[in-house]
Amino acid sequence: MTPEQENQLFQAIGEIQGSQTAILDDLRSIKADIHHSIEKSEARQKQITDSLKIDIEKSEQRQAETLKTHAERLTKVEEKLTNQRVKVAAMGGSAGLAVSLIAYAVKSGMFN
């Protein structure tokens, strides 16, 4: 190999190395951009997820409060119904007693 060919070979190798270095630098830059985009996307997803978790917790709390309110209302209605049943039973018992007394009085001849 002549010195000129050798010189051209080294120049070609230098140009190839320069091209490879430029390509690697571009790849590093692209990789950094991709990682930045991924981190940005993950941060946004975390923000959305956290917001949804808060919304779900608030919704669950509202549901629990609503269930508690309905349970309290149901308890009040059941108490009122029980009181009404007691009143009706008491009236029925009183009416039955009155009828029995009247029947006894009629039978005994108290109204004659």
PDB file of N, CA and C in Angstrom:
ATOM      1  N   MET A   1       0.852  -1.156   0.000  1.00  0.00           N
ATOM      2  CA  MET A   1       0.000   0.000   0.000  1.00  0.00           C
ATOM      3  C   MET A   1       0.909   1.233   0.000  1.00  0.00           C
ATOM      4  N   THR A   2       0.564   2.148  -0.831  1.00  0.00           N
ATOM      5  CA  THR A   2       1.390   3.356  -0.958  1.00  0.00           C
ATOM      6  C   THR A   2       1.050   4.304   0.171  1.00  0.00           C
ATOM      7  N   PRO A   3       1.946   5.229   0.468  1.00  0.00           N
ATOM      8  CA  PRO A   3       1.655   6.172   1.537  1.00  0.00           C
ATOM      9  C   PRO A   3       0.406   7.001   1.255  1.00  0.00           C
ATOM     10  N   GLU A   4       0.149   7.316  -0.005  1.00  0.00           N
ATOM     11  CA  GLU A   4      -1.058   8.096  -0.339  1.00  0.00           C
ATOM     12  C   GLU A   4      -2.313   7.269  -0.092  1.00  0.00           C
ATOM     13  N   GLN A   5      -2.292   5.980  -0.456  1.00  0.00           N
ATOM     14  CA  GLN A   5      -3.445   5.111  -0.213  1.00  0.00           C
ATOM     15  C   GLN A   5      -3.669   4.946   1.296  1.00  0.00           C
ATOM     16  N   GLU A   6      -2.540   4.818   1.989  1.00  0.00           N
ATOM     17  CA  GLU A   6      -2.626   4.688   3.433  1.00  0.00           C
ATOM     18  C   GLU A   6      -3.240   5.950   4.039  1.00  0.00           C
ATOM     19  N   ASN A   7      -2.842   7.085   3.554  1.00  0.00           N
ATOM     20  CA  ASN A   7      -3.370   8.366   4.013  1.00  0.00           C
ATOM     21  C   ASN A   7      -4.864   8.465   3.717  1.00  0.00           C
ATOM     22  N   GLN A   8      -5.264   8.052   2.504  1.00  0.00           N
ATOM     23  CA  GLN A   8      -6.685   8.075   2.132  1.00  0.00           C
ATOM     24  C   GLN A   8      -7.487   7.115   3.016  1.00  0.00           C
ATOM     25  N   LEU A   9      -6.890   5.970   3.318  1.00  0.00           N
ATOM     26  CA  LEU A   9      -7.559   4.992   4.178  1.00  0.00           C
ATOM     27  C   LEU A   9      -7.795   5.588   5.568  1.00  0.00           C
ATOM     28  N   PHE A  10      -6.775   6.229   6.132  1.00  0.00           N
ATOM     29  CA  PHE A  10      -6.917   6.834   7.455  1.00  0.00           C
ATOM     30  C   PHE A  10      -7.928   7.980   7.437  1.00  0.00           C
ATOM     31  N   GLN A  11      -7.967   8.729   6.339  1.00  0.00           N
ATOM     32  CA  GLN A  11      -8.953   9.807   6.207  1.00  0.00           C
ATOM     33  C   GLN A  11     -10.363   9.220   6.153  1.00  0.00           C
ATOM     34  N   ALA A  12     -10.514   8.137   5.387  1.00  0.00           N
ATOM     35  CA  ALA A  12     -11.823   7.487   5.282  1.00  0.00           C
ATOM     36  C   ALA A  12     -12.254   6.952   6.648  1.00  0.00           C
ATOM     37  N   ILE A  13     -11.293   6.323   7.348  1.00  0.00           N
ATOM     38  CA  ILE A  13     -11.602   5.803   8.689  1.00  0.00           C
ATOM     39  C   ILE A  13     -11.995   6.958   9.614  1.00  0.00           C
ATOM     40  N   GLY A  14     -11.282   8.068   9.534  1.00  0.00           N
ATOM     41  CA  GLY A  14     -11.608   9.244  10.347  1.00  0.00           C
ATOM     42  C   GLY A  14     -12.984   9.790  10.030  1.00  0.00           C
ATOM     43  N   GLU A  15     -13.327   9.822   8.735  1.00  0.00           N
ATOM     44  CA  GLU A  15     -14.656  10.298   8.335  1.00  0.00           C
ATOM     45  C   GLU A  15     -15.738   9.353   8.848  1.00  0.00           C
ATOM     46  N   ILE A  16     -15.464   8.053   8.766  1.00  0.00           N
ATOM     47  CA  ILE A  16     -16.437   7.061   9.258  1.00  0.00           C
ATOM     48  C   ILE A  16     -16.621   7.232  10.767  1.00  0.00           C
ATOM     49  N   GLN A  17     -15.511   7.394  11.481  1.00  0.00           N
ATOM     50  CA  GLN A  17     -15.606   7.583  12.928  1.00  0.00           C
ATOM     51  C   GLN A  17     -16.364   8.867  13.265  1.00  0.00           C
ATOM     52  N   GLY A  18     -16.118   9.915  12.493  1.00  0.00           N
ATOM     53  CA  GLY A  18     -16.845  11.169  12.709  1.00  0.00           C
ATOM     54  C   GLY A  18     -18.331  10.994  12.458  1.00  0.00           C
ATOM     55  N   SER A  19     -18.666  10.253  11.390  1.00  0.00           N
ATOM     56  CA  SER A  19     -20.082   9.985  11.088  1.00  0.00           C
ATOM     57  C   SER A  19     -20.716   9.156  12.195  1.00  0.00           C
ATOM     58  N   GLN A  20     -19.986   8.130  12.658  1.00  0.00           N
ATOM     59  CA  GLN A  20     -20.508   7.291  13.731  1.00  0.00           C
ATOM     60  C   GLN A  20     -20.729   8.111  15.008  1.00  0.00           C
ATOM     61  N   THR A  21     -19.799   8.981  15.309  1.00  0.00           N
ATOM     62  CA  THR A  21     -19.934   9.831  16.494  1.00  0.00           C
ATOM     63  C   THR A  21     -21.154  10.738  16.366  1.00  0.00           C
ATOM     64  N   ALA A  22     -21.338  11.315  15.189  1.00  0.00           N
ATOM     65  CA  ALA A  22     -22.501  12.181  14.954  1.00  0.00           C
ATOM     66  C   ALA A  22     -23.796  11.387  15.076  1.00  0.00           C
ATOM     67  N   ILE A  23     -23.800  10.172  14.511  1.00  0.00           N
ATOM     68  CA  ILE A  23     -24.992   9.310  14.599  1.00  0.00           C
ATOM     69  C   ILE A  23     -25.274   8.962  16.059  1.00  0.00           C
ATOM     70  N   LEU A  24     -24.232   8.581  16.806  1.00  0.00           N
ATOM     71  CA  LEU A  24     -24.414   8.241  18.220  1.00  0.00           C
ATOM     72  C   LEU A  24     -24.924   9.444  19.019  1.00  0.00           C
ATOM     73  N   ASP A  25     -24.395  10.621  18.726  1.00  0.00           N
ATOM     74  CA  ASP A  25     -24.879  11.830  19.401  1.00  0.00           C
ATOM     75  C   ASP A  25     -26.353  12.081  19.092  1.00  0.00           C
ATOM     76  N   ASP A  26     -26.737  11.898  17.829  1.00  0.00           N
ATOM     77  CA  ASP A  26     -28.148  12.054  17.448  1.00  0.00           C
ATOM     78  C   ASP A  26     -29.017  11.027  18.164  1.00  0.00           C
ATOM     79  N   LEU A  27     -28.529   9.777  18.240  1.00  0.00           N
ATOM     80  CA  LEU A  27     -29.286   8.730  18.935  1.00  0.00           C
ATOM     81  C   LEU A  27     -29.442   9.061  20.423  1.00  0.00           C
ATOM     82  N   ARG A  28     -28.366   9.566  21.039  1.00  0.00           N
ATOM     83  CA  ARG A  28     -28.457   9.962  22.450  1.00  0.00           C
ATOM     84  C   ARG A  28     -29.487  11.076  22.631  1.00  0.00           C
ATOM     85  N   SER A  29     -29.485  12.018  21.721  1.00  0.00           N
ATOM     86  CA  SER A  29     -30.438  13.127  21.779  1.00  0.00           C
ATOM     87  C   SER A  29     -31.871  12.621  21.623  1.00  0.00           C
ATOM     88  N   ILE A  30     -32.071  11.717  20.664  1.00  0.00           N
ATOM     89  CA  ILE A  30     -33.408  11.131  20.451  1.00  0.00           C
ATOM     90  C   ILE A  30     -33.834  10.353  21.691  1.00  0.00           C
ATOM     91  N   LYS A  31     -32.899   9.567  22.246  1.00  0.00           N
ATOM     92  CA  LYS A  31     -33.193   8.784  23.445  1.00  0.00           C
ATOM     93  C   LYS A  31     -33.580   9.707  24.607  1.00  0.00           C
ATOM     94  N   ALA A  32     -32.844  10.800  24.770  1.00  0.00           N
ATOM     95  CA  ALA A  32     -33.159  11.757  25.836  1.00  0.00           C
ATOM     96  C   ALA A  32     -34.536  12.375  25.616  1.00  0.00           C
ATOM     97  N   ASP A  33     -34.866  12.701  24.366  1.00  0.00           N
ATOM     98  CA  ASP A  33     -36.190  13.257  24.059  1.00  0.00           C
ATOM     99  C   ASP A  33     -37.291  12.254  24.379  1.00  0.00           C
ATOM    100  N   ILE A  34     -37.048  10.991  24.018  1.00  0.00           N
ATOM    101  CA  ILE A  34     -38.043   9.945  24.291  1.00  0.00           C
ATOM    102  C   ILE A  34     -38.235   9.788  25.800  1.00  0.00           C
ATOM    103  N   HIS A  35     -37.129   9.729  26.550  1.00  0.00           N
ATOM    104  CA  HIS A  35     -37.237   9.594  28.006  1.00  0.00           C
ATOM    105  C   HIS A  35     -37.963  10.791  28.618  1.00  0.00           C
ATOM    106  N   HIS A  36     -37.673  11.969  28.123  1.00  0.00           N
ATOM    107  CA  HIS A  36     -38.353  13.169  28.620  1.00  0.00           C
ATOM    108  C   HIS A  36     -39.854  13.080  28.342  1.00  0.00           C
ATOM    109  N   SER A  37     -40.208  12.639  27.137  1.00  0.00           N
ATOM    110  CA  SER A  37     -41.630  12.499  26.788  1.00  0.00           C
ATOM    111  C   SER A  37     -42.306  11.460  27.669  1.00  0.00           C
ATOM    112  N   ILE A  38     -41.606  10.350  27.910  1.00  0.00           N
ATOM    113  CA  ILE A  38     -42.166   9.292  28.756  1.00  0.00           C
ATOM    114  C   ILE A  38     -42.367   9.808  30.178  1.00  0.00           C
ATOM    115  N   GLU A  39     -41.366  10.503  30.715  1.00  0.00           N
ATOM    116  CA  GLU A  39     -41.485  11.040  32.072  1.00  0.00           C
ATOM    117  C   GLU A  39     -42.628  12.044  32.169  1.00  0.00           C
ATOM    118  N   LYS A  40     -42.759  12.872  31.150  1.00  0.00           N
ATOM    119  CA  LYS A  40     -43.841  13.857  31.122  1.00  0.00           C
ATOM    120  C   LYS A  40     -45.194  13.148  31.074  1.00  0.00           C
ATOM    121  N   SER A  41     -45.279  12.101  30.242  1.00  0.00           N
ATOM    122  CA  SER A  41     -46.518  11.337  30.120  1.00  0.00           C
ATOM    123  C   SER A  41     -46.844  10.628  31.435  1.00  0.00           C
ATOM    124  N   GLU A  42     -45.836  10.032  32.059  1.00  0.00           N
ATOM    125  CA  GLU A  42     -46.058   9.350  33.335  1.00  0.00           C
ATOM    126  C   GLU A  42     -46.501  10.330  34.414  1.00  0.00           C
ATOM    127  N   ALA A  43     -45.912  11.519  34.416  1.00  0.00           N
ATOM    128  CA  ALA A  43     -46.313  12.534  35.396  1.00  0.00           C
ATOM    129  C   ALA A  43     -47.770  12.931  35.184  1.00  0.00           C
ATOM    130  N   ARG A  44     -48.163  13.103  33.943  1.00  0.00           N
ATOM    131  CA  ARG A  44     -49.558  13.460  33.626  1.00  0.00           C
ATOM    132  C   ARG A  44     -50.504  12.324  34.023  1.00  0.00           C
ATOM    133  N   GLN A  45     -50.094  11.072  33.730  1.00  0.00           N
ATOM    134  CA  GLN A  45     -50.922   9.927  34.107  1.00  0.00           C
ATOM    135  C   GLN A  45     -51.071   9.843  35.623  1.00  0.00           C
ATOM    136  N   LYS A  46     -49.981  10.111  36.351  1.00  0.00           N
ATOM    137  CA  LYS A  46     -50.044  10.087  37.810  1.00  0.00           C
ATOM    138  C   LYS A  46     -50.987  11.170  38.313  1.00  0.00           C
ATOM    139  N   GLN A  47     -50.910  12.338  37.701  1.00  0.00           N
ATOM    140  CA  GLN A  47     -51.787  13.443  38.094  1.00  0.00           C
ATOM    141  C   GLN A  47     -53.252  13.056  37.866  1.00  0.00           C
ATOM    142  N   ILE A  48     -53.532  12.473  36.713  1.00  0.00           N
ATOM    143  CA  ILE A  48     -54.907  12.055  36.403  1.00  0.00           C
ATOM    144  C   ILE A  48     -55.355  10.959  37.359  1.00  0.00           C
ATOM    145  N   THR A  49     -54.480   9.979  37.604  1.00  0.00           N
ATOM    146  CA  THR A  49     -54.810   8.875  38.502  1.00  0.00           C
ATOM    147  C   THR A  49     -55.080   9.383  39.917  1.00  0.00           C
ATOM    148  N   ASP A  50     -54.232  10.284  40.396  1.00  0.00           N
ATOM    149  CA  ASP A  50     -54.441  10.847  41.735  1.00  0.00           C
ATOM    150  C   ASP A  50     -55.765  11.603  41.813  1.00  0.00           C
ATOM    151  N   SER A  51     -56.074  12.343  40.761  1.00  0.00           N
ATOM    152  CA  SER A  51     -57.334  13.083  40.715  1.00  0.00           C
ATOM    153  C   SER A  51     -58.519  12.118  40.742  1.00  0.00           C
ATOM    154  N   LEU A  52     -58.411  11.033  39.975  1.00  0.00           N
ATOM    155  CA  LEU A  52     -59.489  10.038  39.953  1.00  0.00           C
ATOM    156  C   LEU A  52     -59.636   9.357  41.314  1.00  0.00           C
ATOM    157  N   LYS A  53     -58.514   9.080  41.977  1.00  0.00           N
ATOM    158  CA  LYS A  53     -58.584   8.465  43.303  1.00  0.00           C
ATOM    159  C   LYS A  53     -59.324   9.376  44.271  1.00  0.00           C
ATOM    160  N   ILE A  54     -59.018  10.671  44.210  1.00  0.00           N
ATOM    161  CA  ILE A  54     -59.694  11.635  45.083  1.00  0.00           C
ATOM    162  C   ILE A  54     -61.188  11.668  44.772  1.00  0.00           C
ATOM    163  N   ASP A  55     -61.532  11.684  43.474  1.00  0.00           N
ATOM    164  CA  ASP A  55     -62.943  11.690  43.080  1.00  0.00           C
ATOM    165  C   ASP A  55     -63.649  10.431  43.567  1.00  0.00           C
ATOM    166  N   ILE A  56     -62.983   9.280  43.455  1.00  0.00           N
ATOM    167  CA  ILE A  56     -63.573   8.014  43.901  1.00  0.00           C
ATOM    168  C   ILE A  56     -63.777   8.035  45.412  1.00  0.00           C
ATOM    169  N   GLU A  57     -62.777   8.532  46.149  1.00  0.00           N
ATOM    170  CA  GLU A  57     -62.908   8.606  47.607  1.00  0.00           C
ATOM    171  C   GLU A  57     -64.069   9.512  48.013  1.00  0.00           C
ATOM    172  N   LYS A  58     -64.199  10.651  47.338  1.00  0.00           N
ATOM    173  CA  LYS A  58     -65.314  11.560  47.632  1.00  0.00           C
ATOM    174  C   LYS A  58     -66.645  10.890  47.321  1.00  0.00           C
ATOM    175  N   SER A  59     -66.705  10.179  46.199  1.00  0.00           N
ATOM    176  CA  SER A  59     -67.931   9.488  45.810  1.00  0.00           C
ATOM    177  C   SER A  59     -68.284   8.408  46.828  1.00  0.00           C
ATOM    178  N   GLU A  60     -67.281   7.647  47.258  1.00  0.00           N
ATOM    179  CA  GLU A  60     -67.530   6.606  48.258  1.00  0.00           C
ATOM    180  C   GLU A  60     -68.007   7.222  49.569  1.00  0.00           C
ATOM    181  N   GLN A  61     -67.442   8.364  49.930  1.00  0.00           N
ATOM    182  CA  GLN A  61     -67.859   9.045  51.158  1.00  0.00           C
ATOM    183  C   GLN A  61     -69.309   9.512  51.044  1.00  0.00           C
ATOM    184  N   ARG A  62     -69.662  10.086  49.875  1.00  0.00           N
ATOM    185  CA  ARG A  62     -71.054  10.520  49.670  1.00  0.00           C
ATOM    186  C   ARG A  62     -72.001   9.323  49.732  1.00  0.00           C
ATOM    187  N   GLN A  63     -71.590   8.198  49.130  1.00  0.00           N
ATOM    188  CA  GLN A  63     -72.431   7.005  49.162  1.00  0.00           C
ATOM    189  C   GLN A  63     -72.618   6.511  50.592  1.00  0.00           C
ATOM    190  N   ALA A  64     -71.536   6.520  51.376  1.00  0.00           N
ATOM    191  CA  ALA A  64     -71.625   6.074  52.767  1.00  0.00           C
ATOM    192  C   ALA A  64     -72.549   6.989  53.565  1.00  0.00           C
ATOM    193  N   GLU A  65     -72.429   8.300  53.334  1.00  0.00           N
ATOM    194  CA  GLU A  65     -73.303   9.249  54.032  1.00  0.00           C
ATOM    195  C   GLU A  65     -74.760   9.040  53.627  1.00  0.00           C
ATOM    196  N   THR A  66     -74.989   8.800  52.342  1.00  0.00           N
ATOM    197  CA  THR A  66     -76.347   8.563  51.858  1.00  0.00           C
ATOM    198  C   THR A  66     -76.919   7.291  52.472  1.00  0.00           C
ATOM    199  N   LEU A  67     -76.112   6.225  52.518  1.00  0.00           N
ATOM    200  CA  LEU A  67     -76.570   4.978  53.130  1.00  0.00           C
ATOM    201  C   LEU A  67     -76.889   5.180  54.611  1.00  0.00           C
ATOM    202  N   LYS A  68     -76.055   5.952  55.291  1.00  0.00           N
ATOM    203  CA  LYS A  68     -76.294   6.221  56.709  1.00  0.00           C
ATOM    204  C   LYS A  68     -77.598   6.993  56.883  1.00  0.00           C
ATOM    205  N   THR A  69     -77.805   7.999  56.025  1.00  0.00           N
ATOM    206  CA  THR A  69     -79.032   8.793  56.087  1.00  0.00           C
ATOM    207  C   THR A  69     -80.253   7.915  55.840  1.00  0.00           C
ATOM    208  N   HIS A  70     -80.160   7.050  54.828  1.00  0.00           N
ATOM    209  CA  HIS A  70     -81.287   6.157  54.533  1.00  0.00           C
ATOM    210  C   HIS A  70     -81.532   5.182  55.687  1.00  0.00           C
ATOM    211  N   ALA A  71     -80.464   4.695  56.293  1.00  0.00           N
ATOM    212  CA  ALA A  71     -80.621   3.780  57.424  1.00  0.00           C
ATOM    213  C   ALA A  71     -81.289   4.492  58.598  1.00  0.00           C
ATOM    214  N   GLU A  72     -80.900   5.748  58.843  1.00  0.00           N
ATOM    215  CA  GLU A  72     -81.526   6.518  59.924  1.00  0.00           C
ATOM    216  C   GLU A  72     -83.004   6.760  59.632  1.00  0.00           C
ATOM    217  N   ARG A  73     -83.301   7.100  58.381  1.00  0.00           N
ATOM    218  CA  ARG A  73     -84.710   7.314  58.008  1.00  0.00           C
ATOM    219  C   ARG A  73     -85.509   6.030  58.177  1.00  0.00           C
ATOM    220  N   LEU A  74     -84.924   4.916  57.742  1.00  0.00           N
ATOM    221  CA  LEU A  74     -85.605   3.631  57.863  1.00  0.00           C
ATOM    222  C   LEU A  74     -85.859   3.300  59.331  1.00  0.00           C
ATOM    223  N   THR A  75     -84.886   3.567  60.182  1.00  0.00           N
ATOM    224  CA  THR A  75     -85.054   3.316  61.614  1.00  0.00           C
ATOM    225  C   THR A  75     -86.194   4.160  62.177  1.00  0.00           C
ATOM    226  N   LYS A  76     -86.251   5.434  61.792  1.00  0.00           N
ATOM    227  CA  LYS A  76     -87.331   6.312  62.258  1.00  0.00           C
ATOM    228  C   LYS A  76     -88.688   5.810  61.780  1.00  0.00           C
ATOM    229  N   VAL A  77     -88.757   5.408  60.515  1.00  0.00           N
ATOM    230  CA  VAL A  77     -90.024   4.905  59.972  1.00  0.00           C
ATOM    231  C   VAL A  77     -90.433   3.633  60.702  1.00  0.00           C
ATOM    232  N   GLU A  78     -89.471   2.749  60.952  1.00  0.00           N
ATOM    233  CA  GLU A  78     -89.787   1.512  61.670  1.00  0.00           C
ATOM    234  C   GLU A  78     -90.277   1.810  63.085  1.00  0.00           C
ATOM    235  N   GLU A  79     -89.656   2.794  63.752  1.00  0.00           N
ATOM    236  CA  GLU A  79     -90.097   3.175  65.095  1.00  0.00           C
ATOM    237  C   GLU A  79     -91.521   3.719  65.065  1.00  0.00           C
ATOM    238  N   LYS A  80     -91.804   4.597  64.102  1.00  0.00           N
ATOM    239  CA  LYS A  80     -93.152   5.159  63.985  1.00  0.00           C
ATOM    240  C   LYS A  80     -94.171   4.063  63.689  1.00  0.00           C
ATOM    241  N   LEU A  81     -93.794   3.133  62.813  1.00  0.00           N
ATOM    242  CA  LEU A  81     -94.695   2.034  62.472  1.00  0.00           C
ATOM    243  C   LEU A  81     -94.964   1.169  63.699  1.00  0.00           C
ATOM    244  N   THR A  82     -93.922   0.892  64.456  1.00  0.00           N
ATOM    245  CA  THR A  82     -94.096   0.099  65.676  1.00  0.00           C
ATOM    246  C   THR A  82     -95.009   0.830  66.660  1.00  0.00           C
ATOM    247  N   ASN A  83     -94.795   2.135  66.822  1.00  0.00           N
ATOM    248  CA  ASN A  83     -95.661   2.920  67.719  1.00  0.00           C
ATOM    249  C   ASN A  83     -97.107   2.892  67.246  1.00  0.00           C
ATOM    250  N   GLN A  84     -97.318   3.008  65.934  1.00  0.00           N
ATOM    251  CA  GLN A  84     -98.684   2.952  65.393  1.00  0.00           C
ATOM    252  C   GLN A  84     -99.303   1.584  65.654  1.00  0.00           C
ATOM    253  N   ARG A  85     -98.513   0.538  65.497  1.00  0.00           N
ATOM    254  CA  ARG A  85     -99.032  -0.815  65.744  1.00  0.00           C
ATOM    255  C   ARG A  85     -99.428  -0.981  67.210  1.00  0.00           C
ATOM    256  N   VAL A  86     -98.610  -0.424  68.098  1.00  0.00           N
ATOM    257  CA  VAL A  86     -98.927  -0.500  69.527  1.00  0.00           C
ATOM    258  C   VAL A  86    -100.223   0.253  69.806  1.00  0.00           C
ATOM    259  N   LYS A  87    -100.370   1.436  69.206  1.00  0.00           N
ATOM    260  CA  LYS A  87    -101.592   2.222  69.400  1.00  0.00           C
ATOM    261  C   LYS A  87    -102.808   1.470  68.874  1.00  0.00           C
ATOM    262  N   VAL A  88    -102.670   0.897  67.675  1.00  0.00           N
ATOM    263  CA  VAL A  88    -103.795   0.150  67.090  1.00  0.00           C
ATOM    264  C   VAL A  88    -104.139  -1.049  67.962  1.00  0.00           C
ATOM    265  N   ALA A  89    -103.114  -1.744  68.428  1.00  0.00           N
ATOM    266  CA  ALA A  89    -103.362  -2.907  69.293  1.00  0.00           C
ATOM    267  C   ALA A  89    -104.023  -2.476  70.594  1.00  0.00           C
ATOM    268  N   ALA A  90    -103.572  -1.341  71.141  1.00  0.00           N
ATOM    269  CA  ALA A  90    -104.171  -0.846  72.386  1.00  0.00           C
ATOM    270  C   ALA A  90    -105.625  -0.476  72.157  1.00  0.00           C
ATOM    271  N   MET A  91    -105.898   0.200  71.013  1.00  0.00           N
ATOM    272  CA  MET A  91    -107.289   0.558  70.707  1.00  0.00           C
ATOM    273  C   MET A  91    -108.132  -0.690  70.494  1.00  0.00           C
ATOM    274  N   GLY A  92    -107.556  -1.642  69.797  1.00  0.00           N
ATOM    275  CA  GLY A  92    -108.290  -2.895  69.562  1.00  0.00           C
ATOM    276  C   GLY A  92    -108.573  -3.608  70.868  1.00  0.00           C
ATOM    277  N   GLY A  93    -107.588  -3.609  71.756  1.00  0.00           N
ATOM    278  CA  GLY A  93    -107.779  -4.244  73.068  1.00  0.00           C
ATOM    279  C   GLY A  93    -108.811  -3.505  73.892  1.00  0.00           C
ATOM    280  N   SER A  94    -108.767  -2.177  73.859  1.00  0.00           N
ATOM    281  CA  SER A  94    -109.747  -1.371  74.610  1.00  0.00           C
ATOM    282  C   SER A  94    -111.140  -1.578  74.053  1.00  0.00           C
ATOM    283  N   ALA A  95    -111.243  -1.589  72.739  1.00  0.00           N
ATOM    284  CA  ALA A  95    -112.556  -1.795  72.115  1.00  0.00           C
ATOM    285  C   ALA A  95    -113.081  -3.181  72.449  1.00  0.00           C
ATOM    286  N   GLY A  96    -112.205  -4.155  72.421  1.00  0.00           N
ATOM    287  CA  GLY A  96    -112.618  -5.524  72.776  1.00  0.00           C
ATOM    288  C   GLY A  96    -113.080  -5.610  74.212  1.00  0.00           C
ATOM    289  N   LEU A  97    -112.373  -4.926  75.102  1.00  0.00           N
ATOM    290  CA  LEU A  97    -112.754  -4.913  76.513  1.00  0.00           C
ATOM    291  C   LEU A  97    -114.109  -4.225  76.692  1.00  0.00           C
ATOM    292  N   ALA A  98    -114.302  -3.103  75.979  1.00  0.00           N
ATOM    293  CA  ALA A  98    -115.576  -2.384  76.074  1.00  0.00           C
ATOM    294  C   ALA A  98    -116.716  -3.262  75.579  1.00  0.00           C
ATOM    295  N   VAL A  99    -116.509  -3.941  74.470  1.00  0.00           N
ATOM    296  CA  VAL A  99    -117.558  -4.823  73.934  1.00  0.00           C
ATOM    297  C   VAL A  99    -117.847  -5.939  74.926  1.00  0.00           C
ATOM    298  N   SER A 100    -116.812  -6.501  75.523  1.00  0.00           N
ATOM    299  CA  SER A 100    -117.009  -7.574  76.505  1.00  0.00           C
ATOM    300  C   SER A 100    -117.792  -7.073  77.715  1.00  0.00           C
ATOM    301  N   LEU A 101    -117.463  -5.867  78.181  1.00  0.00           N
ATOM    302  CA  LEU A 101    -118.180  -5.306  79.333  1.00  0.00           C
ATOM    303  C   LEU A 101    -119.643  -5.038  79.000  1.00  0.00           C
ATOM    304  N   ILE A 102    -119.874  -4.489  77.795  1.00  0.00           N
ATOM    305  CA  ILE A 102    -121.262  -4.219  77.384  1.00  0.00           C
ATOM    306  C   ILE A 102    -122.032  -5.530  77.263  1.00  0.00           C
ATOM    307  N   ALA A 103    -121.390  -6.521  76.658  1.00  0.00           N
ATOM    308  CA  ALA A 103    -122.060  -7.825  76.515  1.00  0.00           C
ATOM    309  C   ALA A 103    -122.364  -8.414  77.887  1.00  0.00           C
ATOM    310  N   TYR A 104    -121.445  -8.297  78.802  1.00  0.00           N
ATOM    311  CA  TYR A 104    -121.666  -8.804  80.156  1.00  0.00           C
ATOM    312  C   TYR A 104    -122.799  -8.046  80.844  1.00  0.00           C
ATOM    313  N   ALA A 105    -122.790  -6.714  80.628  1.00  0.00           N
ATOM    314  CA  ALA A 105    -123.828  -5.888  81.251  1.00  0.00           C
ATOM    315  C   ALA A 105    -125.195  -6.244  80.682  1.00  0.00           C
ATOM    316  N   VAL A 106    -125.258  -6.430  79.375  1.00  0.00           N
ATOM    317  CA  VAL A 106    -126.533  -6.791  78.755  1.00  0.00           C
ATOM    318  C   VAL A 106    -126.971  -8.162  79.248  1.00  0.00           C
ATOM    319  N   LYS A 107    -126.033  -9.059  79.321  1.00  0.00           N
ATOM    320  CA  LYS A 107    -126.332 -10.421  79.749  1.00  0.00           C
ATOM    321  C   LYS A 107    -126.787 -10.440  81.217  1.00  0.00           C
ATOM    322  N   SER A 108    -126.173  -9.616  81.995  1.00  0.00           N
ATOM    323  CA  SER A 108    -126.506  -9.570  83.416  1.00  0.00           C
ATOM    324  C   SER A 108    -127.794  -8.800  83.665  1.00  0.00           C
ATOM    325  N   GLY A 109    -128.239  -8.095  82.668  1.00  0.00           N
ATOM    326  CA  GLY A 109    -129.474  -7.360  82.796  1.00  0.00           C
ATOM    327  C   GLY A 109    -129.297  -5.996  83.410  1.00  0.00           C
ATOM    328  N   MET A 110    -128.133  -5.455  83.327  1.00  0.00           N
ATOM    329  CA  MET A 110    -127.886  -4.144  83.901  1.00  0.00           C
ATOM    330  C   MET A 110    -128.602  -3.047  83.138  1.00  0.00           C
ATOM    331  N   PHE A 111    -128.855  -3.238  81.874  1.00  0.00           N
ATOM    332  CA  PHE A 111    -129.501  -2.207  81.074  1.00  0.00           C
ATOM    333  C   PHE A 111    -131.003  -2.412  80.991  1.00  0.00           C
ATOM    334  N   ASN A 112    -131.540  -3.320  81.699  1.00  0.00           N
ATOM    335  CA  ASN A 112    -132.980  -3.581  81.668  1.00  0.00           C
ATOM    336  C   ASN A 112    -133.728  -2.743  82.639  1.00  0.00           C
TER     337      ASN A 112
END
